[in-house]
């Protein structure tokens, strides 16, 4: 009984993964919109570059210091 994975279980896991990804992108978008693009400290600058990538900040999306 516990060894079988049903289609329902797989769909539920997929829905949770999509919801988690959507939350991650939304959170990254909020953080990057409220903060500057570049930082003086290298580790923080790398973190925010990664957040910009996760948030999909391309095209018309702007950071706080781009305005």
PDB file of N, CA and C in Angstrom:
ATOM      1  N   UNK A   1       0.821  -1.192   0.000  1.00  0.00           N
ATOM      2  CA  UNK A   1       0.000   0.000   0.000  1.00  0.00           C
ATOM      3  C   UNK A   1       0.867   1.259   0.000  1.00  0.00           C
ATOM      4  N   UNK A   2       1.927   1.305   0.783  1.00  0.00           N
ATOM      5  CA  UNK A   2       2.769   2.483   0.851  1.00  0.00           C
ATOM      6  C   UNK A   2       3.820   2.532  -0.242  1.00  0.00           C
ATOM      7  N   UNK A   3       3.996   1.443  -0.991  1.00  0.00           N
ATOM      8  CA  UNK A   3       5.046   1.379  -2.002  1.00  0.00           C
ATOM      9  C   UNK A   3       4.583   1.898  -3.356  1.00  0.00           C
ATOM     10  N   UNK A   4       3.306   2.126  -3.534  1.00  0.00           N
ATOM     11  CA  UNK A   4       2.777   2.544  -4.827  1.00  0.00           C
ATOM     12  C   UNK A   4       2.593   4.054  -4.884  1.00  0.00           C
ATOM     13  N   UNK A   5       2.926   4.614  -6.036  1.00  0.00           N
ATOM     14  CA  UNK A   5       2.728   6.040  -6.280  1.00  0.00           C
ATOM     15  C   UNK A   5       1.626   6.160  -7.323  1.00  0.00           C
ATOM     16  N   UNK A   6       0.608   6.909  -6.989  1.00  0.00           N
ATOM     17  CA  UNK A   6      -0.518   7.048  -7.904  1.00  0.00           C
ATOM     18  C   UNK A   6      -0.370   8.305  -8.745  1.00  0.00           C
ATOM     19  N   UNK A   7      -1.176   8.379  -9.785  1.00  0.00           N
ATOM     20  CA  UNK A   7      -1.192   9.569 -10.639  1.00  0.00           C
ATOM     21  C   UNK A   7      -1.581  10.795  -9.814  1.00  0.00           C
ATOM     22  N   UNK A   8      -2.505  10.624  -8.905  1.00  0.00           N
ATOM     23  CA  UNK A   8      -2.930  11.730  -8.044  1.00  0.00           C
ATOM     24  C   UNK A   8      -1.789  12.273  -7.200  1.00  0.00           C
ATOM     25  N   UNK A   9      -0.953  11.352  -6.672  1.00  0.00           N
ATOM     26  CA  UNK A   9       0.199  11.778  -5.889  1.00  0.00           C
ATOM     27  C   UNK A   9       1.191  12.562  -6.751  1.00  0.00           C
ATOM     28  N   UNK A  10       1.410  12.098  -7.964  1.00  0.00           N
ATOM     29  CA  UNK A  10       2.334  12.784  -8.864  1.00  0.00           C
ATOM     30  C   UNK A  10       1.805  14.149  -9.259  1.00  0.00           C
ATOM     31  N   UNK A  11       0.514  14.260  -9.518  1.00  0.00           N
ATOM     32  CA  UNK A  11      -0.079  15.552  -9.863  1.00  0.00           C
ATOM     33  C   UNK A  11      -0.019  16.521  -8.691  1.00  0.00           C
ATOM     34  N   UNK A  12      -0.227  16.003  -7.504  1.00  0.00           N
ATOM     35  CA  UNK A  12      -0.152  16.845  -6.312  1.00  0.00           C
ATOM     36  C   UNK A  12       1.273  17.367  -6.114  1.00  0.00           C
ATOM     37  N   UNK A  13       2.270  16.507  -6.314  1.00  0.00           N
ATOM     38  CA  UNK A  13       3.662  16.928  -6.199  1.00  0.00           C
ATOM     39  C   UNK A  13       4.002  17.962  -7.263  1.00  0.00           C
ATOM     40  N   UNK A  14       3.489  17.784  -8.481  1.00  0.00           N
ATOM     41  CA  UNK A  14       3.732  18.748  -9.553  1.00  0.00           C
ATOM     42  C   UNK A  14       3.104  20.102  -9.232  1.00  0.00           C
ATOM     43  N   UNK A  15       1.896  20.088  -8.706  1.00  0.00           N
ATOM     44  CA  UNK A  15       1.230  21.341  -8.329  1.00  0.00           C
ATOM     45  C   UNK A  15       1.999  22.059  -7.219  1.00  0.00           C
ATOM     46  N   UNK A  16       2.505  21.311  -6.255  1.00  0.00           N
ATOM     47  CA  UNK A  16       3.299  21.917  -5.186  1.00  0.00           C
ATOM     48  C   UNK A  16       4.597  22.510  -5.735  1.00  0.00           C
ATOM     49  N   UNK A  17       5.224  21.829  -6.674  1.00  0.00           N
ATOM     50  CA  UNK A  17       6.466  22.335  -7.268  1.00  0.00           C
ATOM     51  C   UNK A  17       6.215  23.623  -8.047  1.00  0.00           C
ATOM     52  N   UNK A  18       5.133  23.668  -8.806  1.00  0.00           N
ATOM     53  CA  UNK A  18       4.800  24.870  -9.584  1.00  0.00           C
ATOM     54  C   UNK A  18       4.469  26.030  -8.651  1.00  0.00           C
ATOM     55  N   UNK A  19       3.719  25.759  -7.593  1.00  0.00           N
ATOM     56  CA  UNK A  19       3.379  26.804  -6.632  1.00  0.00           C
ATOM     57  C   UNK A  19       4.629  27.321  -5.918  1.00  0.00           C
ATOM     58  N   UNK A  20       5.538  26.429  -5.572  1.00  0.00           N
ATOM     59  CA  UNK A  20       6.786  26.834  -4.929  1.00  0.00           C
ATOM     60  C   UNK A  20       7.639  27.688  -5.848  1.00  0.00           C
ATOM     61  N   UNK A  21       7.716  27.309  -7.115  1.00  0.00           N
ATOM     62  CA  UNK A  21       8.474  28.091  -8.088  1.00  0.00           C
ATOM     63  C   UNK A  21       7.857  29.472  -8.281  1.00  0.00           C
ATOM     64  N   UNK A  22       6.541  29.537  -8.336  1.00  0.00           N
ATOM     65  CA  UNK A  22       5.857  30.825  -8.480  1.00  0.00           C
ATOM     66  C   UNK A  22       6.125  31.722  -7.278  1.00  0.00           C
ATOM     67  N   UNK A  23       6.127  31.154  -6.084  1.00  0.00           N
ATOM     68  CA  UNK A  23       6.435  31.940  -4.888  1.00  0.00           C
ATOM     69  C   UNK A  23       7.872  32.433  -4.899  1.00  0.00           C
ATOM     70  N   UNK A  24       8.798  31.593  -5.338  1.00  0.00           N
ATOM     71  CA  UNK A  24      10.199  31.976  -5.413  1.00  0.00           C
ATOM     72  C   UNK A  24      10.404  33.129  -6.385  1.00  0.00           C
ATOM     73  N   UNK A  25       9.797  33.066  -7.552  1.00  0.00           N
ATOM     74  CA  UNK A  25       9.929  34.128  -8.555  1.00  0.00           C
ATOM     75  C   UNK A  25       9.284  35.419  -8.054  1.00  0.00           C
ATOM     76  N   UNK A  26       8.136  35.307  -7.418  1.00  0.00           N
ATOM     77  CA  UNK A  26       7.460  36.491  -6.882  1.00  0.00           C
ATOM     78  C   UNK A  26       8.294  37.161  -5.802  1.00  0.00           C
ATOM     79  N   UNK A  27       8.839  36.373  -4.898  1.00  0.00           N
ATOM     80  CA  UNK A  27       9.666  36.928  -3.831  1.00  0.00           C
ATOM     81  C   UNK A  27      10.927  37.581  -4.397  1.00  0.00           C
ATOM     82  N   UNK A  28      11.569  36.944  -5.365  1.00  0.00           N
ATOM     83  CA  UNK A  28      12.766  37.523  -5.990  1.00  0.00           C
ATOM     84  C   UNK A  28      12.421  38.821  -6.711  1.00  0.00           C
ATOM     85  N   UNK A  29      11.270  38.875  -7.351  1.00  0.00           N
ATOM     86  CA  UNK A  29      10.842  40.091  -8.043  1.00  0.00           C
ATOM     87  C   UNK A  29      10.621  41.244  -7.070  1.00  0.00           C
ATOM     88  N   UNK A  30       9.981  40.958  -5.953  1.00  0.00           N
ATOM     89  CA  UNK A  30       9.738  41.997  -4.944  1.00  0.00           C
ATOM     90  C   UNK A  30      11.053  42.508  -4.375  1.00  0.00           C
ATOM     91  N   UNK A  31      11.956  41.597  -4.033  1.00  0.00           N
ATOM     92  CA  UNK A  31      13.237  42.002  -3.449  1.00  0.00           C
ATOM     93  C   UNK A  31      14.041  42.839  -4.433  1.00  0.00           C
ATOM     94  N   UNK A  32      14.130  42.400  -5.682  1.00  0.00           N
ATOM     95  CA  UNK A  32      14.953  43.131  -6.651  1.00  0.00           C
ATOM     96  C   UNK A  32      14.324  44.455  -7.065  1.00  0.00           C
ATOM     97  N   UNK A  33      13.012  44.561  -6.994  1.00  0.00           N
ATOM     98  CA  UNK A  33      12.373  45.831  -7.341  1.00  0.00           C
ATOM     99  C   UNK A  33      12.610  46.887  -6.274  1.00  0.00           C
ATOM    100  N   UNK A  34      12.837  46.477  -5.044  1.00  0.00           N
ATOM    101  CA  UNK A  34      12.996  47.413  -3.939  1.00  0.00           C
ATOM    102  C   UNK A  34      14.449  47.711  -3.592  1.00  0.00           C
ATOM    103  N   UNK A  35      15.388  47.066  -4.243  1.00  0.00           N
ATOM    104  CA  UNK A  35      16.801  47.238  -3.902  1.00  0.00           C
ATOM    105  C   UNK A  35      17.591  47.720  -5.119  1.00  0.00           C
ATOM    106  N   UNK A  36      18.788  48.262  -4.883  1.00  0.00           N
ATOM    107  CA  UNK A  36      19.625  48.701  -5.998  1.00  0.00           C
ATOM    108  C   UNK A  36      20.141  47.516  -6.832  1.00  0.00           C
ATOM    109  N   UNK A  37      20.585  47.813  -8.045  1.00  0.00           N
ATOM    110  CA  UNK A  37      21.107  46.771  -8.927  1.00  0.00           C
ATOM    111  C   UNK A  37      22.492  46.331  -8.499  1.00  0.00           C
ATOM    112  N   UNK A  38      23.368  47.273  -8.203  1.00  0.00           N
ATOM    113  CA  UNK A  38      24.762  46.963  -7.881  1.00  0.00           C
ATOM    114  C   UNK A  38      25.070  47.262  -6.417  1.00  0.00           C
ATOM    115  N   UNK A  39      25.947  46.436  -5.847  1.00  0.00           N
ATOM    116  CA  UNK A  39      26.372  46.584  -4.455  1.00  0.00           C
ATOM    117  C   UNK A  39      27.893  46.670  -4.418  1.00  0.00           C
ATOM    118  N   UNK A  40      28.428  47.311  -3.393  1.00  0.00           N
ATOM    119  CA  UNK A  40      29.871  47.446  -3.231  1.00  0.00           C
ATOM    120  C   UNK A  40      30.517  46.109  -2.836  1.00  0.00           C
ATOM    121  N   UNK A  41      29.868  45.343  -1.964  1.00  0.00           N
ATOM    122  CA  UNK A  41      30.412  44.069  -1.501  1.00  0.00           C
ATOM    123  C   UNK A  41      30.152  42.992  -2.550  1.00  0.00           C
ATOM    124  N   UNK A  42      31.186  42.261  -2.921  1.00  0.00           N
ATOM    125  CA  UNK A  42      31.096  41.259  -3.989  1.00  0.00           C
ATOM    126  C   UNK A  42      30.102  40.130  -3.684  1.00  0.00           C
ATOM    127  N   UNK A  43      30.075  39.543  -2.473  1.00  0.00           N
ATOM    128  CA  UNK A  43      29.115  38.447  -2.231  1.00  0.00           C
ATOM    129  C   UNK A  43      27.655  38.910  -2.346  1.00  0.00           C
ATOM    130  N   UNK A  44      27.366  40.095  -1.861  1.00  0.00           N
ATOM    131  CA  UNK A  44      25.996  40.612  -1.950  1.00  0.00           C
ATOM    132  C   UNK A  44      25.651  40.942  -3.392  1.00  0.00           C
ATOM    133  N   UNK A  45      26.631  41.462  -4.135  1.00  0.00           N
ATOM    134  CA  UNK A  45      26.416  41.765  -5.544  1.00  0.00           C
ATOM    135  C   UNK A  45      26.093  40.489  -6.321  1.00  0.00           C
ATOM    136  N   UNK A  46      26.813  39.418  -6.041  1.00  0.00           N
ATOM    137  CA  UNK A  46      26.540  38.125  -6.701  1.00  0.00           C
ATOM    138  C   UNK A  46      25.153  37.615  -6.352  1.00  0.00           C
ATOM    139  N   UNK A  47      24.774  37.740  -5.082  1.00  0.00           N
ATOM    140  CA  UNK A  47      23.445  37.295  -4.651  1.00  0.00           C
ATOM    141  C   UNK A  47      22.357  38.046  -5.402  1.00  0.00           C
ATOM    142  N   UNK A  48      22.515  39.361  -5.538  1.00  0.00           N
ATOM    143  CA  UNK A  48      21.483  40.139  -6.205  1.00  0.00           C
ATOM    144  C   UNK A  48      21.486  39.935  -7.714  1.00  0.00           C
ATOM    145  N   UNK A  49      22.627  39.601  -8.295  1.00  0.00           N
ATOM    146  CA  UNK A  49      22.632  39.221  -9.712  1.00  0.00           C
ATOM    147  C   UNK A  49      21.837  37.939  -9.911  1.00  0.00           C
ATOM    148  N   UNK A  50      22.007  36.987  -8.983  1.00  0.00           N
ATOM    149  CA  UNK A  50      21.268  35.736  -9.058  1.00  0.00           C
ATOM    150  C   UNK A  50      19.765  35.987  -8.859  1.00  0.00           C
ATOM    151  N   UNK A  51      19.422  36.854  -7.914  1.00  0.00           N
ATOM    152  CA  UNK A  51      18.015  37.189  -7.696  1.00  0.00           C
ATOM    153  C   UNK A  51      17.408  37.857  -8.921  1.00  0.00           C
ATOM    154  N   UNK A  52      18.171  38.726  -9.593  1.00  0.00           N
ATOM    155  CA  UNK A  52      17.679  39.349 -10.824  1.00  0.00           C
ATOM    156  C   UNK A  52      17.419  38.305 -11.896  1.00  0.00           C
ATOM    157  N   UNK A  53      18.273  37.296 -11.974  1.00  0.00           N
ATOM    158  CA  UNK A  53      18.079  36.220 -12.937  1.00  0.00           C
ATOM    159  C   UNK A  53      16.828  35.409 -12.597  1.00  0.00           C
ATOM    160  N   UNK A  54      16.656  35.054 -11.330  1.00  0.00           N
ATOM    161  CA  UNK A  54      15.478  34.289 -10.898  1.00  0.00           C
ATOM    162  C   UNK A  54      14.205  35.089 -11.131  1.00  0.00           C
ATOM    163  N   UNK A  55      14.269  36.393 -10.864  1.00  0.00           N
ATOM    164  CA  UNK A  55      13.089  37.241 -11.019  1.00  0.00           C
ATOM    165  C   UNK A  55      12.759  37.506 -12.478  1.00  0.00           C
ATOM    166  N   UNK A  56      13.700  37.211 -13.360  1.00  0.00           N
ATOM    167  CA  UNK A  56      13.460  37.452 -14.782  1.00  0.00           C
ATOM    168  C   UNK A  56      13.502  38.928 -15.120  1.00  0.00           C
ATOM    169  N   UNK A  57      14.393  39.664 -14.459  1.00  0.00           N
ATOM    170  CA  UNK A  57      14.487  41.104 -14.700  1.00  0.00           C
ATOM    171  C   UNK A  57      15.178  41.386 -16.028  1.00  0.00           C
ATOM    172  N   UNK A  58      14.411  41.257 -17.065  1.00  0.00           N
ATOM    173  CA  UNK A  58      14.863  41.585 -18.414  1.00  0.00           C
ATOM    174  C   UNK A  58      13.783  42.434 -19.062  1.00  0.00           C
ATOM    175  N   UNK A  59      14.141  43.168 -20.074  1.00  0.00           N
ATOM    176  CA  UNK A  59      13.139  43.977 -20.760  1.00  0.00           C
ATOM    177  C   UNK A  59      12.731  45.186 -19.962  1.00  0.00           C
ATOM    178  N   UNK A  60      11.465  45.270 -19.596  1.00  0.00           N
ATOM    179  CA  UNK A  60      10.917  46.462 -18.951  1.00  0.00           C
ATOM    180  C   UNK A  60      10.955  46.416 -17.432  1.00  0.00           C
ATOM    181  N   UNK A  61      11.315  45.293 -16.832  1.00  0.00           N
ATOM    182  CA  UNK A  61      11.409  45.238 -15.374  1.00  0.00           C
ATOM    183  C   UNK A  61      12.555  46.121 -14.905  1.00  0.00           C
ATOM    184  N   UNK A  62      12.367  46.816 -13.799  1.00  0.00           N
ATOM    185  CA  UNK A  62      13.343  47.776 -13.317  1.00  0.00           C
ATOM    186  C   UNK A  62      13.692  47.493 -11.864  1.00  0.00           C
ATOM    187  N   UNK A  63      14.932  47.815 -11.488  1.00  0.00           N
ATOM    188  CA  UNK A  63      15.344  47.799 -10.098  1.00  0.00           C
ATOM    189  C   UNK A  63      15.131  49.195  -9.530  1.00  0.00           C
ATOM    190  N   UNK A  64      15.346  49.337  -8.223  1.00  0.00           N
ATOM    191  CA  UNK A  64      15.099  50.602  -7.545  1.00  0.00           C
ATOM    192  C   UNK A  64      15.984  51.718  -8.096  1.00  0.00           C
ATOM    193  N   UNK A  65      17.229  51.432  -8.448  1.00  0.00           N
ATOM    194  CA  UNK A  65      18.118  52.496  -8.915  1.00  0.00           C
ATOM    195  C   UNK A  65      18.039  52.711 -10.434  1.00  0.00           C
ATOM    196  N   UNK A  66      17.204  51.978 -11.139  1.00  0.00           N
ATOM    197  CA  UNK A  66      17.026  52.170 -12.571  1.00  0.00           C
ATOM    198  C   UNK A  66      16.015  53.269 -12.890  1.00  0.00           C
ATOM    199  N   UNK A  67      15.316  53.768 -11.914  1.00  0.00           N
ATOM    200  CA  UNK A  67      14.267  54.767 -12.146  1.00  0.00           C
ATOM    201  C   UNK A  67      14.833  56.142 -12.254  1.00  0.00           C
TER     202      UNK A  67
END
